[in-house]
């Protein structure tokens, strides 16, 4: 959820203003976003692998 009702809304607005004026801070925000995307990709890949292994084990148990 985002918007004025969200508790971090003011912080996000402040971060956007700082990012426009400070290239180093903007790079930090970009790096943080990229790191989160990589984490999500790794997490989804791990879940896929676990599901695949679980299905493989179930199939091998059935014979």
PDB file of N, CA and C in Angstrom:
ATOM      1  N   UNK A   1       0.843  -1.177   0.000  1.00  0.00           N
ATOM      2  CA  UNK A   1       0.000   0.000   0.000  1.00  0.00           C
ATOM      3  C   UNK A   1       0.886   1.238   0.000  1.00  0.00           C
ATOM      4  N   UNK A   2       0.510   2.221  -0.776  1.00  0.00           N
ATOM      5  CA  UNK A   2       1.235   3.477  -0.775  1.00  0.00           C
ATOM      6  C   UNK A   2       0.223   4.606  -0.801  1.00  0.00           C
ATOM      7  N   UNK A   3       0.691   5.776  -0.540  1.00  0.00           N
ATOM      8  CA  UNK A   3      -0.198   6.933  -0.533  1.00  0.00           C
ATOM      9  C   UNK A   3      -0.175   7.616   0.810  1.00  0.00           C
ATOM     10  N   UNK A   4      -0.935   8.684   0.938  1.00  0.00           N
ATOM     11  CA  UNK A   4      -0.905   9.460   2.177  1.00  0.00           C
ATOM     12  C   UNK A   4      -1.266   8.673   3.419  1.00  0.00           C
ATOM     13  N   UNK A   5      -2.028   7.593   3.290  1.00  0.00           N
ATOM     14  CA  UNK A   5      -2.401   6.808   4.465  1.00  0.00           C
ATOM     15  C   UNK A   5      -1.298   5.883   4.948  1.00  0.00           C
ATOM     16  N   UNK A   6      -0.291   5.667   4.138  1.00  0.00           N
ATOM     17  CA  UNK A   6       0.791   4.751   4.494  1.00  0.00           C
ATOM     18  C   UNK A   6       1.762   5.447   5.436  1.00  0.00           C
ATOM     19  N   UNK A   7       2.232   4.749   6.499  1.00  0.00           N
ATOM     20  CA  UNK A   7       3.106   5.401   7.493  1.00  0.00           C
ATOM     21  C   UNK A   7       4.431   5.906   6.931  1.00  0.00           C
ATOM     22  N   UNK A   8       4.947   5.285   5.864  1.00  0.00           N
ATOM     23  CA  UNK A   8       6.229   5.718   5.309  1.00  0.00           C
ATOM     24  C   UNK A   8       6.071   6.695   4.156  1.00  0.00           C
ATOM     25  N   UNK A   9       4.872   7.207   3.954  1.00  0.00           N
ATOM     26  CA  UNK A   9       4.611   8.092   2.820  1.00  0.00           C
ATOM     27  C   UNK A   9       5.485   9.344   2.884  1.00  0.00           C
ATOM     28  N   UNK A  10       5.598   9.952   4.046  1.00  0.00           N
ATOM     29  CA  UNK A  10       6.383  11.179   4.182  1.00  0.00           C
ATOM     30  C   UNK A  10       7.852  10.884   3.896  1.00  0.00           C
ATOM     31  N   UNK A  11       8.351   9.771   4.424  1.00  0.00           N
ATOM     32  CA  UNK A  11       9.738   9.396   4.179  1.00  0.00           C
ATOM     33  C   UNK A  11       9.988   9.203   2.689  1.00  0.00           C
ATOM     34  N   UNK A  12       9.051   8.572   1.988  1.00  0.00           N
ATOM     35  CA  UNK A  12       9.230   8.315   0.566  1.00  0.00           C
ATOM     36  C   UNK A  12       9.254   9.620  -0.212  1.00  0.00           C
ATOM     37  N   UNK A  13       8.357  10.548   0.145  1.00  0.00           N
ATOM     38  CA  UNK A  13       8.340  11.848  -0.523  1.00  0.00           C
ATOM     39  C   UNK A  13       9.665  12.575  -0.287  1.00  0.00           C
ATOM     40  N   UNK A  14      10.176  12.514   0.924  1.00  0.00           N
ATOM     41  CA  UNK A  14      11.448  13.146   1.247  1.00  0.00           C
ATOM     42  C   UNK A  14      12.580  12.483   0.469  1.00  0.00           C
ATOM     43  N   UNK A  15      12.563  11.163   0.376  1.00  0.00           N
ATOM     44  CA  UNK A  15      13.598  10.447  -0.366  1.00  0.00           C
ATOM     45  C   UNK A  15      13.579  10.836  -1.838  1.00  0.00           C
ATOM     46  N   UNK A  16      12.390  10.985  -2.408  1.00  0.00           N
ATOM     47  CA  UNK A  16      12.305  11.379  -3.815  1.00  0.00           C
ATOM     48  C   UNK A  16      12.891  12.771  -4.027  1.00  0.00           C
ATOM     49  N   UNK A  17      12.622  13.696  -3.107  1.00  0.00           N
ATOM     50  CA  UNK A  17      13.164  15.051  -3.236  1.00  0.00           C
ATOM     51  C   UNK A  17      14.688  15.041  -3.119  1.00  0.00           C
ATOM     52  N   UNK A  18      15.197  14.271  -2.173  1.00  0.00           N
ATOM     53  CA  UNK A  18      16.648  14.190  -1.996  1.00  0.00           C
ATOM     54  C   UNK A  18      17.281  13.541  -3.218  1.00  0.00           C
ATOM     55  N   UNK A  19      16.652  12.486  -3.739  1.00  0.00           N
ATOM     56  CA  UNK A  19      17.214  11.773  -4.881  1.00  0.00           C
ATOM     57  C   UNK A  19      17.320  12.671  -6.105  1.00  0.00           C
ATOM     58  N   UNK A  20      16.392  13.607  -6.251  1.00  0.00           N
ATOM     59  CA  UNK A  20      16.451  14.517  -7.392  1.00  0.00           C
ATOM     60  C   UNK A  20      17.645  15.459  -7.301  1.00  0.00           C
ATOM     61  N   UNK A  21      18.031  15.807  -6.093  1.00  0.00           N
ATOM     62  CA  UNK A  21      19.097  16.796  -5.932  1.00  0.00           C
ATOM     63  C   UNK A  21      20.455  16.180  -5.612  1.00  0.00           C
ATOM     64  N   UNK A  22      20.507  14.924  -5.188  1.00  0.00           N
ATOM     65  CA  UNK A  22      21.755  14.306  -4.744  1.00  0.00           C
ATOM     66  C   UNK A  22      22.011  13.015  -5.519  1.00  0.00           C
ATOM     67  N   UNK A  23      22.924  13.038  -6.501  1.00  0.00           N
ATOM     68  CA  UNK A  23      23.149  11.842  -7.327  1.00  0.00           C
ATOM     69  C   UNK A  23      23.673  10.645  -6.540  1.00  0.00           C
ATOM     70  N   UNK A  24      24.452  10.870  -5.489  1.00  0.00           N
ATOM     71  CA  UNK A  24      24.960   9.749  -4.684  1.00  0.00           C
ATOM     72  C   UNK A  24      23.807   9.059  -3.973  1.00  0.00           C
ATOM     73  N   UNK A  25      22.902   9.848  -3.406  1.00  0.00           N
ATOM     74  CA  UNK A  25      21.733   9.279  -2.729  1.00  0.00           C
ATOM     75  C   UNK A  25      20.852   8.546  -3.732  1.00  0.00           C
ATOM     76  N   UNK A  26      20.714   9.116  -4.939  1.00  0.00           N
ATOM     77  CA  UNK A  26      19.906   8.480  -5.978  1.00  0.00           C
ATOM     78  C   UNK A  26      20.503   7.118  -6.329  1.00  0.00           C
ATOM     79  N   UNK A  27      21.817   7.040  -6.428  1.00  0.00           N
ATOM     80  CA  UNK A  27      22.470   5.758  -6.718  1.00  0.00           C
ATOM     81  C   UNK A  27      22.217   4.744  -5.612  1.00  0.00           C
ATOM     82  N   UNK A  28      22.193   5.204  -4.381  1.00  0.00           N
ATOM     83  CA  UNK A  28      21.896   4.293  -3.263  1.00  0.00           C
ATOM     84  C   UNK A  28      20.486   3.741  -3.379  1.00  0.00           C
ATOM     85  N   UNK A  29      19.531   4.605  -3.744  1.00  0.00           N
ATOM     86  CA  UNK A  29      18.159   4.136  -3.897  1.00  0.00           C
ATOM     87  C   UNK A  29      18.049   3.135  -5.041  1.00  0.00           C
ATOM     88  N   UNK A  30      18.740   3.408  -6.133  1.00  0.00           N
ATOM     89  CA  UNK A  30      18.723   2.487  -7.272  1.00  0.00           C
ATOM     90  C   UNK A  30      19.336   1.155  -6.867  1.00  0.00           C
ATOM     91  N   UNK A  31      20.461   1.196  -6.162  1.00  0.00           N
ATOM     92  CA  UNK A  31      21.107  -0.045  -5.711  1.00  0.00           C
ATOM     93  C   UNK A  31      20.195  -0.829  -4.777  1.00  0.00           C
ATOM     94  N   UNK A  32      19.501  -0.129  -3.888  1.00  0.00           N
ATOM     95  CA  UNK A  32      18.587  -0.795  -2.968  1.00  0.00           C
ATOM     96  C   UNK A  32      17.460  -1.479  -3.749  1.00  0.00           C
ATOM     97  N   UNK A  33      16.929  -0.798  -4.756  1.00  0.00           N
ATOM     98  CA  UNK A  33      15.865  -1.368  -5.566  1.00  0.00           C
ATOM     99  C   UNK A  33      16.360  -2.585  -6.341  1.00  0.00           C
ATOM    100  N   UNK A  34      17.546  -2.478  -6.928  1.00  0.00           N
ATOM    101  CA  UNK A  34      18.120  -3.595  -7.683  1.00  0.00           C
ATOM    102  C   UNK A  34      18.364  -4.788  -6.764  1.00  0.00           C
ATOM    103  N   UNK A  35      18.871  -4.525  -5.559  1.00  0.00           N
ATOM    104  CA  UNK A  35      19.108  -5.611  -4.601  1.00  0.00           C
ATOM    105  C   UNK A  35      17.812  -6.316  -4.225  1.00  0.00           C
ATOM    106  N   UNK A  36      16.742  -5.538  -4.055  1.00  0.00           N
ATOM    107  CA  UNK A  36      15.454  -6.156  -3.711  1.00  0.00           C
ATOM    108  C   UNK A  36      14.943  -7.009  -4.868  1.00  0.00           C
ATOM    109  N   UNK A  37      15.121  -6.525  -6.087  1.00  0.00           N
ATOM    110  CA  UNK A  37      14.682  -7.296  -7.251  1.00  0.00           C
ATOM    111  C   UNK A  37      15.470  -8.595  -7.336  1.00  0.00           C
ATOM    112  N   UNK A  38      16.788  -8.519  -7.123  1.00  0.00           N
ATOM    113  CA  UNK A  38      17.609  -9.739  -7.152  1.00  0.00           C
ATOM    114  C   UNK A  38      17.172 -10.705  -6.069  1.00  0.00           C
ATOM    115  N   UNK A  39      16.857 -10.179  -4.883  1.00  0.00           N
ATOM    116  CA  UNK A  39      16.400 -11.028  -3.781  1.00  0.00           C
ATOM    117  C   UNK A  39      15.102 -11.730  -4.159  1.00  0.00           C
ATOM    118  N   UNK A  40      14.172 -10.988  -4.770  1.00  0.00           N
ATOM    119  CA  UNK A  40      12.902 -11.588  -5.168  1.00  0.00           C
ATOM    120  C   UNK A  40      13.111 -12.665  -6.224  1.00  0.00           C
ATOM    121  N   UNK A  41      14.021 -12.409  -7.156  1.00  0.00           N
ATOM    122  CA  UNK A  41      14.301 -13.398  -8.194  1.00  0.00           C
ATOM    123  C   UNK A  41      14.903 -14.660  -7.572  1.00  0.00           C
ATOM    124  N   UNK A  42      15.864 -14.468  -6.671  1.00  0.00           N
ATOM    125  CA  UNK A  42      16.479 -15.635  -6.018  1.00  0.00           C
ATOM    126  C   UNK A  42      15.453 -16.389  -5.194  1.00  0.00           C
ATOM    127  N   UNK A  43      14.584 -15.656  -4.492  1.00  0.00           N
ATOM    128  CA  UNK A  43      13.557 -16.304  -3.670  1.00  0.00           C
ATOM    129  C   UNK A  43      12.590 -17.084  -4.531  1.00  0.00           C
ATOM    130  N   UNK A  44      12.166 -16.484  -5.645  1.00  0.00           N
ATOM    131  CA  UNK A  44      11.216 -17.193  -6.513  1.00  0.00           C
ATOM    132  C   UNK A  44      11.881 -18.399  -7.149  1.00  0.00           C
ATOM    133  N   UNK A  45      13.172 -18.280  -7.511  1.00  0.00           N
ATOM    134  CA  UNK A  45      13.886 -19.429  -8.064  1.00  0.00           C
ATOM    135  C   UNK A  45      14.017 -20.549  -7.036  1.00  0.00           C
ATOM    136  N   UNK A  46      14.264 -20.173  -5.793  1.00  0.00           N
ATOM    137  CA  UNK A  46      14.377 -21.163  -4.726  1.00  0.00           C
ATOM    138  C   UNK A  46      13.040 -21.869  -4.518  1.00  0.00           C
ATOM    139  N   UNK A  47      11.945 -21.100  -4.513  1.00  0.00           N
ATOM    140  CA  UNK A  47      10.631 -21.716  -4.356  1.00  0.00           C
ATOM    141  C   UNK A  47      10.331 -22.656  -5.515  1.00  0.00           C
ATOM    142  N   UNK A  48      10.685 -22.230  -6.729  1.00  0.00           N
ATOM    143  CA  UNK A  48      10.470 -23.086  -7.892  1.00  0.00           C
ATOM    144  C   UNK A  48      11.259 -24.386  -7.742  1.00  0.00           C
ATOM    145  N   UNK A  49      12.517 -24.262  -7.316  1.00  0.00           N
ATOM    146  CA  UNK A  49      13.358 -25.441  -7.145  1.00  0.00           C
ATOM    147  C   UNK A  49      12.783 -26.378  -6.083  1.00  0.00           C
ATOM    148  N   UNK A  50      12.339 -25.813  -4.966  1.00  0.00           N
ATOM    149  CA  UNK A  50      11.767 -26.650  -3.909  1.00  0.00           C
ATOM    150  C   UNK A  50      10.506 -27.361  -4.385  1.00  0.00           C
ATOM    151  N   UNK A  51       9.656 -26.640  -5.123  1.00  0.00           N
ATOM    152  CA  UNK A  51       8.442 -27.281  -5.642  1.00  0.00           C
ATOM    153  C   UNK A  51       8.799 -28.381  -6.638  1.00  0.00           C
ATOM    154  N   UNK A  52       9.783 -28.108  -7.482  1.00  0.00           N
ATOM    155  CA  UNK A  52      10.216 -29.104  -8.456  1.00  0.00           C
ATOM    156  C   UNK A  52      10.727 -30.354  -7.748  1.00  0.00           C
ATOM    157  N   UNK A  53      11.566 -30.146  -6.727  1.00  0.00           N
ATOM    158  CA  UNK A  53      12.110 -31.298  -5.992  1.00  0.00           C
ATOM    159  C   UNK A  53      11.012 -32.055  -5.269  1.00  0.00           C
ATOM    160  N   UNK A  54      10.053 -31.328  -4.706  1.00  0.00           N
ATOM    161  CA  UNK A  54       8.944 -31.979  -4.019  1.00  0.00           C
ATOM    162  C   UNK A  54       8.137 -32.836  -4.996  1.00  0.00           C
ATOM    163  N   UNK A  55       7.862 -32.285  -6.165  1.00  0.00           N
ATOM    164  CA  UNK A  55       7.139 -33.066  -7.182  1.00  0.00           C
ATOM    165  C   UNK A  55       7.957 -34.267  -7.632  1.00  0.00           C
ATOM    166  N   UNK A  56       9.255 -34.094  -7.787  1.00  0.00           N
ATOM    167  CA  UNK A  56      10.118 -35.197  -8.197  1.00  0.00           C
ATOM    168  C   UNK A  56      10.107 -36.316  -7.176  1.00  0.00           C
ATOM    169  N   UNK A  57      10.152 -35.963  -5.907  1.00  0.00           N
ATOM    170  CA  UNK A  57      10.136 -36.962  -4.841  1.00  0.00           C
ATOM    171  C   UNK A  57       8.802 -37.683  -4.826  1.00  0.00           C
ATOM    172  N   UNK A  58       7.707 -36.929  -4.984  1.00  0.00           N
ATOM    173  CA  UNK A  58       6.377 -37.556  -4.984  1.00  0.00           C
ATOM    174  C   UNK A  58       6.238 -38.511  -6.157  1.00  0.00           C
ATOM    175  N   UNK A  59       6.744 -38.131  -7.309  1.00  0.00           N
ATOM    176  CA  UNK A  59       6.647 -38.989  -8.496  1.00  0.00           C
ATOM    177  C   UNK A  59       7.490 -40.248  -8.301  1.00  0.00           C
ATOM    178  N   UNK A  60       8.696 -40.086  -7.744  1.00  0.00           N
ATOM    179  CA  UNK A  60       9.566 -41.248  -7.557  1.00  0.00           C
ATOM    180  C   UNK A  60       9.008 -42.188  -6.490  1.00  0.00           C
ATOM    181  N   UNK A  61       8.282 -41.661  -5.502  1.00  0.00           N
ATOM    182  CA  UNK A  61       7.682 -42.514  -4.468  1.00  0.00           C
ATOM    183  C   UNK A  61       6.538 -43.334  -5.031  1.00  0.00           C
ATOM    184  N   UNK A  62       5.845 -42.778  -6.029  1.00  0.00           N
ATOM    185  CA  UNK A  62       4.717 -43.498  -6.627  1.00  0.00           C
ATOM    186  C   UNK A  62       5.199 -44.668  -7.493  1.00  0.00           C
ATOM    187  N   UNK A  63       6.445 -44.563  -7.937  1.00  0.00           N
ATOM    188  CA  UNK A  63       7.004 -45.682  -8.675  1.00  0.00           C
ATOM    189  C   UNK A  63       6.891 -45.487 -10.120  1.00  0.00           C
TER     190      UNK A  63
END
